[in-house]
Amino acid sequence: MLTYAPDLNPVAATWSSLRAALLDFAVHGIEELTALVKHRLKCMQYQPELLTGFIAKTVLTAGVVAVLGRPRG
């Protein structure tokens, strides 16, 4: 089984970027936090170069992912 490798996971880079964007905000409840996170994620959605960068930062290619994803047996 593979160990966790956040450097190979574009989702981890996405959440890291989101966390960094939220550091300067103070919220007064879970509803306000939820709204802020949704707004920031919506902004990321319209920045394809940012999301493409998260994927490009990984060293995995589609062929490597296909091999690693095969069950051992």
PDB file of N, CA and C in Angstrom:
ATOM      1  N   MET A   1       0.835  -1.176   0.000  1.00  0.00           N
ATOM      2  CA  MET A   1       0.000   0.000   0.000  1.00  0.00           C
ATOM      3  C   MET A   1       0.887   1.248   0.000  1.00  0.00           C
ATOM      4  N   LEU A   2       0.487   2.240  -0.774  1.00  0.00           N
ATOM      5  CA  LEU A   2       1.240   3.476  -0.831  1.00  0.00           C
ATOM      6  C   LEU A   2       0.979   4.322   0.412  1.00  0.00           C
ATOM      7  N   THR A   3       2.000   5.029   0.856  1.00  0.00           N
ATOM      8  CA  THR A   3       1.812   5.955   1.965  1.00  0.00           C
ATOM      9  C   THR A   3       1.240   7.249   1.413  1.00  0.00           C
ATOM     10  N   TYR A   4       0.747   8.079   2.301  1.00  0.00           N
ATOM     11  CA  TYR A   4       0.170   9.350   1.886  1.00  0.00           C
ATOM     12  C   TYR A   4       1.266  10.270   1.378  1.00  0.00           C
ATOM     13  N   ALA A   5       1.067  10.854   0.215  1.00  0.00           N
ATOM     14  CA  ALA A   5       2.060  11.736  -0.390  1.00  0.00           C
ATOM     15  C   ALA A   5       1.361  13.004  -0.883  1.00  0.00           C
ATOM     16  N   PRO A   6       1.239  14.027  -0.028  1.00  0.00           N
ATOM     17  CA  PRO A   6       0.526  15.237  -0.438  1.00  0.00           C
ATOM     18  C   PRO A   6       1.159  15.934  -1.642  1.00  0.00           C
ATOM     19  N   ASP A   7       2.462  15.735  -1.870  1.00  0.00           N
ATOM     20  CA  ASP A   7       3.107  16.347  -3.032  1.00  0.00           C
ATOM     21  C   ASP A   7       2.595  15.766  -4.345  1.00  0.00           C
ATOM     22  N   LEU A   8       2.017  14.585  -4.293  1.00  0.00           N
ATOM     23  CA  LEU A   8       1.508  13.923  -5.496  1.00  0.00           C
ATOM     24  C   LEU A   8       0.000  14.091  -5.638  1.00  0.00           C
ATOM     25  N   ASN A   9      -0.610  14.848  -4.734  1.00  0.00           N
ATOM     26  CA  ASN A   9      -2.059  14.960  -4.699  1.00  0.00           C
ATOM     27  C   ASN A   9      -2.492  16.398  -5.012  1.00  0.00           C
ATOM     28  N   PRO A  10      -3.071  16.639  -6.192  1.00  0.00           N
ATOM     29  CA  PRO A  10      -3.491  18.007  -6.513  1.00  0.00           C
ATOM     30  C   PRO A  10      -4.595  18.522  -5.593  1.00  0.00           C
ATOM     31  N   VAL A  11      -5.368  17.631  -4.992  1.00  0.00           N
ATOM     32  CA  VAL A  11      -6.415  18.062  -4.060  1.00  0.00           C
ATOM     33  C   VAL A  11      -5.786  18.664  -2.802  1.00  0.00           C
ATOM     34  N   ALA A  12      -4.690  18.087  -2.332  1.00  0.00           N
ATOM     35  CA  ALA A  12      -3.997  18.631  -1.164  1.00  0.00           C
ATOM     36  C   ALA A  12      -3.480  20.040  -1.465  1.00  0.00           C
ATOM     37  N   ALA A  13      -2.996  20.270  -2.662  1.00  0.00           N
ATOM     38  CA  ALA A  13      -2.527  21.607  -3.051  1.00  0.00           C
ATOM     39  C   ALA A  13      -3.696  22.589  -3.106  1.00  0.00           C
ATOM     40  N   THR A  14      -4.852  22.129  -3.555  1.00  0.00           N
ATOM     41  CA  THR A  14      -6.032  22.982  -3.618  1.00  0.00           C
ATOM     42  C   THR A  14      -6.447  23.426  -2.222  1.00  0.00           C
ATOM     43  N   TRP A  15      -6.522  22.480  -1.276  1.00  0.00           N
ATOM     44  CA  TRP A  15      -6.908  22.829   0.090  1.00  0.00           C
ATOM     45  C   TRP A  15      -5.849  23.696   0.759  1.00  0.00           C
ATOM     46  N   SER A  16      -4.596  23.464   0.466  1.00  0.00           N
ATOM     47  CA  SER A  16      -3.528  24.291   1.022  1.00  0.00           C
ATOM     48  C   SER A  16      -3.680  25.740   0.559  1.00  0.00           C
ATOM     49  N   SER A  17      -3.965  25.922  -0.707  1.00  0.00           N
ATOM     50  CA  SER A  17      -4.172  27.259  -1.252  1.00  0.00           C
ATOM     51  C   SER A  17      -5.401  27.915  -0.623  1.00  0.00           C
ATOM     52  N   LEU A  18      -6.456  27.144  -0.453  1.00  0.00           N
ATOM     53  CA  LEU A  18      -7.673  27.670   0.162  1.00  0.00           C
ATOM     54  C   LEU A  18      -7.407  28.095   1.603  1.00  0.00           C
ATOM     55  N   ARG A  19      -6.702  27.258   2.350  1.00  0.00           N
ATOM     56  CA  ARG A  19      -6.367  27.604   3.743  1.00  0.00           C
ATOM     57  C   ARG A  19      -5.565  28.896   3.809  1.00  0.00           C
ATOM     58  N   ALA A  20      -4.610  29.038   2.915  1.00  0.00           N
ATOM     59  CA  ALA A  20      -3.794  30.258   2.893  1.00  0.00           C
ATOM     60  C   ALA A  20      -4.657  31.487   2.610  1.00  0.00           C
ATOM     61  N   ALA A  21      -5.661  31.341   1.754  1.00  0.00           N
ATOM     62  CA  ALA A  21      -6.548  32.460   1.428  1.00  0.00           C
ATOM     63  C   ALA A  21      -7.471  32.816   2.588  1.00  0.00           C
ATOM     64  N   LEU A  22      -7.700  31.881   3.503  1.00  0.00           N
ATOM     65  CA  LEU A  22      -8.621  32.113   4.616  1.00  0.00           C
ATOM     66  C   LEU A  22      -7.922  32.618   5.877  1.00  0.00           C
ATOM     67  N   LEU A  23      -6.604  32.651   5.894  1.00  0.00           N
ATOM     68  CA  LEU A  23      -5.876  32.999   7.109  1.00  0.00           C
ATOM     69  C   LEU A  23      -6.123  34.424   7.595  1.00  0.00           C
ATOM     70  N   ASP A  24      -6.437  35.329   6.704  1.00  0.00           N
ATOM     71  CA  ASP A  24      -6.604  36.727   7.085  1.00  0.00           C
ATOM     72  C   ASP A  24      -8.031  37.090   7.487  1.00  0.00           C
ATOM     73  N   PHE A  25      -8.888  36.108   7.630  1.00  0.00           N
ATOM     74  CA  PHE A  25     -10.284  36.389   7.929  1.00  0.00           C
ATOM     75  C   PHE A  25     -10.670  35.865   9.303  1.00  0.00           C
ATOM     76  N   ALA A  26     -11.459  36.650  10.019  1.00  0.00           N
ATOM     77  CA  ALA A  26     -12.060  36.207  11.272  1.00  0.00           C
ATOM     78  C   ALA A  26     -13.551  36.024  10.999  1.00  0.00           C
ATOM     79  N   VAL A  27     -14.064  34.885  11.356  1.00  0.00           N
ATOM     80  CA  VAL A  27     -15.486  34.617  11.136  1.00  0.00           C
ATOM     81  C   VAL A  27     -16.185  34.497  12.486  1.00  0.00           C
ATOM     82  N   HIS A  28     -17.473  34.729  12.456  1.00  0.00           N
ATOM     83  CA  HIS A  28     -18.264  34.725  13.688  1.00  0.00           C
ATOM     84  C   HIS A  28     -19.332  33.642  13.641  1.00  0.00           C
ATOM     85  N   GLY A  29     -18.933  32.457  13.241  1.00  0.00           N
ATOM     86  CA  GLY A  29     -19.882  31.351  13.219  1.00  0.00           C
ATOM     87  C   GLY A  29     -19.645  30.452  12.019  1.00  0.00           C
ATOM     88  N   ILE A  30     -20.209  29.276  12.120  1.00  0.00           N
ATOM     89  CA  ILE A  30     -20.020  28.262  11.082  1.00  0.00           C
ATOM     90  C   ILE A  30     -20.676  28.689   9.768  1.00  0.00           C
ATOM     91  N   GLU A  31     -21.789  29.418   9.843  1.00  0.00           N
ATOM     92  CA  GLU A  31     -22.455  29.861   8.622  1.00  0.00           C
ATOM     93  C   GLU A  31     -21.565  30.833   7.845  1.00  0.00           C
ATOM     94  N   GLU A  32     -20.922  31.743   8.564  1.00  0.00           N
ATOM     95  CA  GLU A  32     -20.038  32.707   7.907  1.00  0.00           C
ATOM     96  C   GLU A  32     -18.810  32.004   7.322  1.00  0.00           C
ATOM     97  N   LEU A  33     -18.281  31.030   8.044  1.00  0.00           N
ATOM     98  CA  LEU A  33     -17.143  30.261   7.536  1.00  0.00           C
ATOM     99  C   LEU A  33     -17.537  29.483   6.287  1.00  0.00           C
ATOM    100  N   THR A  34     -18.693  28.858   6.318  1.00  0.00           N
ATOM    101  CA  THR A  34     -19.180  28.104   5.158  1.00  0.00           C
ATOM    102  C   THR A  34     -19.330  29.006   3.939  1.00  0.00           C
ATOM    103  N   ALA A  35     -19.902  30.170   4.137  1.00  0.00           N
ATOM    104  CA  ALA A  35     -20.080  31.110   3.026  1.00  0.00           C
ATOM    105  C   ALA A  35     -18.731  31.561   2.472  1.00  0.00           C
ATOM    106  N   LEU A  36     -17.773  31.813   3.346  1.00  0.00           N
ATOM    107  CA  LEU A  36     -16.447  32.255   2.911  1.00  0.00           C
ATOM    108  C   LEU A  36     -15.735  31.159   2.116  1.00  0.00           C
ATOM    109  N   VAL A  37     -15.798  29.923   2.599  1.00  0.00           N
ATOM    110  CA  VAL A  37     -15.165  28.807   1.891  1.00  0.00           C
ATOM    111  C   VAL A  37     -15.813  28.611   0.524  1.00  0.00           C
ATOM    112  N   LYS A  38     -17.141  28.649   0.471  1.00  0.00           N
ATOM    113  CA  LYS A  38     -17.835  28.494  -0.810  1.00  0.00           C
ATOM    114  C   LYS A  38     -17.438  29.591  -1.785  1.00  0.00           C
ATOM    115  N   HIS A  39     -17.339  30.819  -1.285  1.00  0.00           N
ATOM    116  CA  HIS A  39     -16.953  31.938  -2.148  1.00  0.00           C
ATOM    117  C   HIS A  39     -15.538  31.741  -2.691  1.00  0.00           C
ATOM    118  N   ARG A  40     -14.603  31.353  -1.828  1.00  0.00           N
ATOM    119  CA  ARG A  40     -13.219  31.149  -2.266  1.00  0.00           C
ATOM    120  C   ARG A  40     -13.108  30.002  -3.256  1.00  0.00           C
ATOM    121  N   LEU A  41     -13.843  28.913  -3.024  1.00  0.00           N
ATOM    122  CA  LEU A  41     -13.825  27.796  -3.968  1.00  0.00           C
ATOM    123  C   LEU A  41     -14.422  28.212  -5.315  1.00  0.00           C
ATOM    124  N   LYS A  42     -15.471  29.033  -5.282  1.00  0.00           N
ATOM    125  CA  LYS A  42     -16.079  29.518  -6.522  1.00  0.00           C
ATOM    126  C   LYS A  42     -15.078  30.370  -7.294  1.00  0.00           C
ATOM    127  N   CYS A  43     -14.313  31.199  -6.578  1.00  0.00           N
ATOM    128  CA  CYS A  43     -13.280  32.013  -7.239  1.00  0.00           C
ATOM    129  C   CYS A  43     -12.220  31.114  -7.888  1.00  0.00           C
ATOM    130  N   MET A  44     -11.832  30.039  -7.193  1.00  0.00           N
ATOM    131  CA  MET A  44     -10.842  29.108  -7.746  1.00  0.00           C
ATOM    132  C   MET A  44     -11.369  28.427  -9.005  1.00  0.00           C
ATOM    133  N   GLN A  45     -12.670  28.159  -9.013  1.00  0.00           N
ATOM    134  CA  GLN A  45     -13.288  27.478 -10.150  1.00  0.00           C
ATOM    135  C   GLN A  45     -13.084  28.261 -11.439  1.00  0.00           C
ATOM    136  N   TYR A  46     -13.038  29.573 -11.342  1.00  0.00           N
ATOM    137  CA  TYR A  46     -12.898  30.419 -12.527  1.00  0.00           C
ATOM    138  C   TYR A  46     -11.446  30.804 -12.805  1.00  0.00           C
ATOM    139  N   GLN A  47     -10.511  30.061 -12.215  1.00  0.00           N
ATOM    140  CA  GLN A  47      -9.086  30.254 -12.469  1.00  0.00           C
ATOM    141  C   GLN A  47      -8.475  28.933 -12.935  1.00  0.00           C
ATOM    142  N   PRO A  48      -8.777  28.511 -14.156  1.00  0.00           N
ATOM    143  CA  PRO A  48      -8.297  27.205 -14.618  1.00  0.00           C
ATOM    144  C   PRO A  48      -6.780  27.090 -14.589  1.00  0.00           C
ATOM    145  N   GLU A  49      -6.057  28.198 -14.776  1.00  0.00           N
ATOM    146  CA  GLU A  49      -4.596  28.132 -14.738  1.00  0.00           C
ATOM    147  C   GLU A  49      -4.108  27.771 -13.338  1.00  0.00           C
ATOM    148  N   LEU A  50      -4.821  28.189 -12.314  1.00  0.00           N
ATOM    149  CA  LEU A  50      -4.470  27.832 -10.939  1.00  0.00           C
ATOM    150  C   LEU A  50      -4.667  26.337 -10.715  1.00  0.00           C
ATOM    151  N   LEU A  51      -5.826  25.837 -11.120  1.00  0.00           N
ATOM    152  CA  LEU A  51      -6.121  24.414 -10.939  1.00  0.00           C
ATOM    153  C   LEU A  51      -5.204  23.546 -11.791  1.00  0.00           C
ATOM    154  N   THR A  52      -4.905  23.977 -13.004  1.00  0.00           N
ATOM    155  CA  THR A  52      -3.972  23.245 -13.863  1.00  0.00           C
ATOM    156  C   THR A  52      -2.587  23.214 -13.225  1.00  0.00           C
ATOM    157  N   GLY A  53      -2.220  24.300 -12.578  1.00  0.00           N
ATOM    158  CA  GLY A  53      -0.929  24.355 -11.885  1.00  0.00           C
ATOM    159  C   GLY A  53      -0.835  23.352 -10.752  1.00  0.00           C
ATOM    160  N   PHE A  54      -1.930  23.147 -10.030  1.00  0.00           N
ATOM    161  CA  PHE A  54      -1.922  22.157  -8.952  1.00  0.00           C
ATOM    162  C   PHE A  54      -1.659  20.762  -9.508  1.00  0.00           C
ATOM    163  N   ILE A  55      -2.240  20.467 -10.665  1.00  0.00           N
ATOM    164  CA  ILE A  55      -2.037  19.156 -11.289  1.00  0.00           C
ATOM    165  C   ILE A  55      -0.625  19.054 -11.849  1.00  0.00           C
ATOM    166  N   ALA A  56      -0.151  20.113 -12.488  1.00  0.00           N
ATOM    167  CA  ALA A  56       1.186  20.100 -13.089  1.00  0.00           C
ATOM    168  C   ALA A  56       2.276  19.969 -12.038  1.00  0.00           C
ATOM    169  N   LYS A  57       1.995  20.423 -10.825  1.00  0.00           N
ATOM    170  CA  LYS A  57       2.973  20.364  -9.738  1.00  0.00           C
ATOM    171  C   LYS A  57       3.277  18.915  -9.327  1.00  0.00           C
ATOM    172  N   THR A  58       2.358  18.012  -9.602  1.00  0.00           N
ATOM    173  CA  THR A  58       2.577  16.609  -9.260  1.00  0.00           C
ATOM    174  C   THR A  58       3.485  15.974 -10.312  1.00  0.00           C
ATOM    175  N   VAL A  59       4.137  14.901  -9.948  1.00  0.00           N
ATOM    176  CA  VAL A  59       5.027  14.218 -10.888  1.00  0.00           C
ATOM    177  C   VAL A  59       4.340  13.027 -11.551  1.00  0.00           C
ATOM    178  N   LEU A  60       3.091  12.803 -11.194  1.00  0.00           N
ATOM    179  CA  LEU A  60       2.384  11.659 -11.752  1.00  0.00           C
ATOM    180  C   LEU A  60       1.857  11.977 -13.139  1.00  0.00           C
ATOM    181  N   THR A  61       1.853  10.986 -13.982  1.00  0.00           N
ATOM    182  CA  THR A  61       1.219  11.079 -15.294  1.00  0.00           C
ATOM    183  C   THR A  61       0.070  10.095 -15.308  1.00  0.00           C
ATOM    184  N   ALA A  62      -0.768  10.161 -16.313  1.00  0.00           N
ATOM    185  CA  ALA A  62      -1.911   9.246 -16.382  1.00  0.00           C
ATOM    186  C   ALA A  62      -1.451   7.796 -16.399  1.00  0.00           C
ATOM    187  N   GLY A  63      -0.347   7.498 -17.072  1.00  0.00           N
ATOM    188  CA  GLY A  63       0.146   6.116 -17.130  1.00  0.00           C
ATOM    189  C   GLY A  63       0.620   5.614 -15.775  1.00  0.00           C
ATOM    190  N   VAL A  64       1.298   6.461 -15.019  1.00  0.00           N
ATOM    191  CA  VAL A  64       1.764   6.067 -13.688  1.00  0.00           C
ATOM    192  C   VAL A  64       0.587   5.851 -12.761  1.00  0.00           C
ATOM    193  N   VAL A  65      -0.410   6.706 -12.825  1.00  0.00           N
ATOM    194  CA  VAL A  65      -1.603   6.564 -11.976  1.00  0.00           C
ATOM    195  C   VAL A  65      -2.308   5.260 -12.298  1.00  0.00           C
ATOM    196  N   ALA A  66      -2.414   4.913 -13.573  1.00  0.00           N
ATOM    197  CA  ALA A  66      -3.087   3.674 -13.963  1.00  0.00           C
ATOM    198  C   ALA A  66      -2.352   2.458 -13.398  1.00  0.00           C
ATOM    199  N   VAL A  67      -1.023   2.459 -13.438  1.00  0.00           N
ATOM    200  CA  VAL A  67      -0.251   1.334 -12.904  1.00  0.00           C
ATOM    201  C   VAL A  67      -0.369   1.275 -11.394  1.00  0.00           C
ATOM    202  N   LEU A  68      -0.249   2.419 -10.717  1.00  0.00           N
ATOM    203  CA  LEU A  68      -0.326   2.444  -9.257  1.00  0.00           C
ATOM    204  C   LEU A  68      -1.719   2.071  -8.758  1.00  0.00           C
ATOM    205  N   GLY A  69      -2.732   2.350  -9.550  1.00  0.00           N
ATOM    206  CA  GLY A  69      -4.091   2.072  -9.129  1.00  0.00           C
ATOM    207  C   GLY A  69      -4.505   0.619  -9.270  1.00  0.00           C
ATOM    208  N   ARG A  70      -3.690  -0.193  -9.934  1.00  0.00           N
ATOM    209  CA  ARG A  70      -4.037  -1.607 -10.108  1.00  0.00           C
ATOM    210  C   ARG A  70      -3.894  -2.356  -8.791  1.00  0.00           C
ATOM    211  N   PRO A  71      -4.863  -3.213  -8.495  1.00  0.00           N
ATOM    212  CA  PRO A  71      -4.748  -4.012  -7.268  1.00  0.00           C
ATOM    213  C   PRO A  71      -3.620  -5.031  -7.397  1.00  0.00           C
ATOM    214  N   ARG A  72      -2.940  -5.265  -6.295  1.00  0.00           N
ATOM    215  CA  ARG A  72      -1.875  -6.269  -6.297  1.00  0.00           C
ATOM    216  C   ARG A  72      -2.488  -7.654  -6.174  1.00  0.00           C
ATOM    217  N   GLY A  73      -1.838  -8.606  -6.788  1.00  0.00           N
ATOM    218  CA  GLY A  73      -2.446  -9.916  -6.653  1.00  0.00           C
ATOM    219  C   GLY A  73      -1.727 -10.951  -7.290  1.00  0.00           C
TER     220      GLY A  73
END
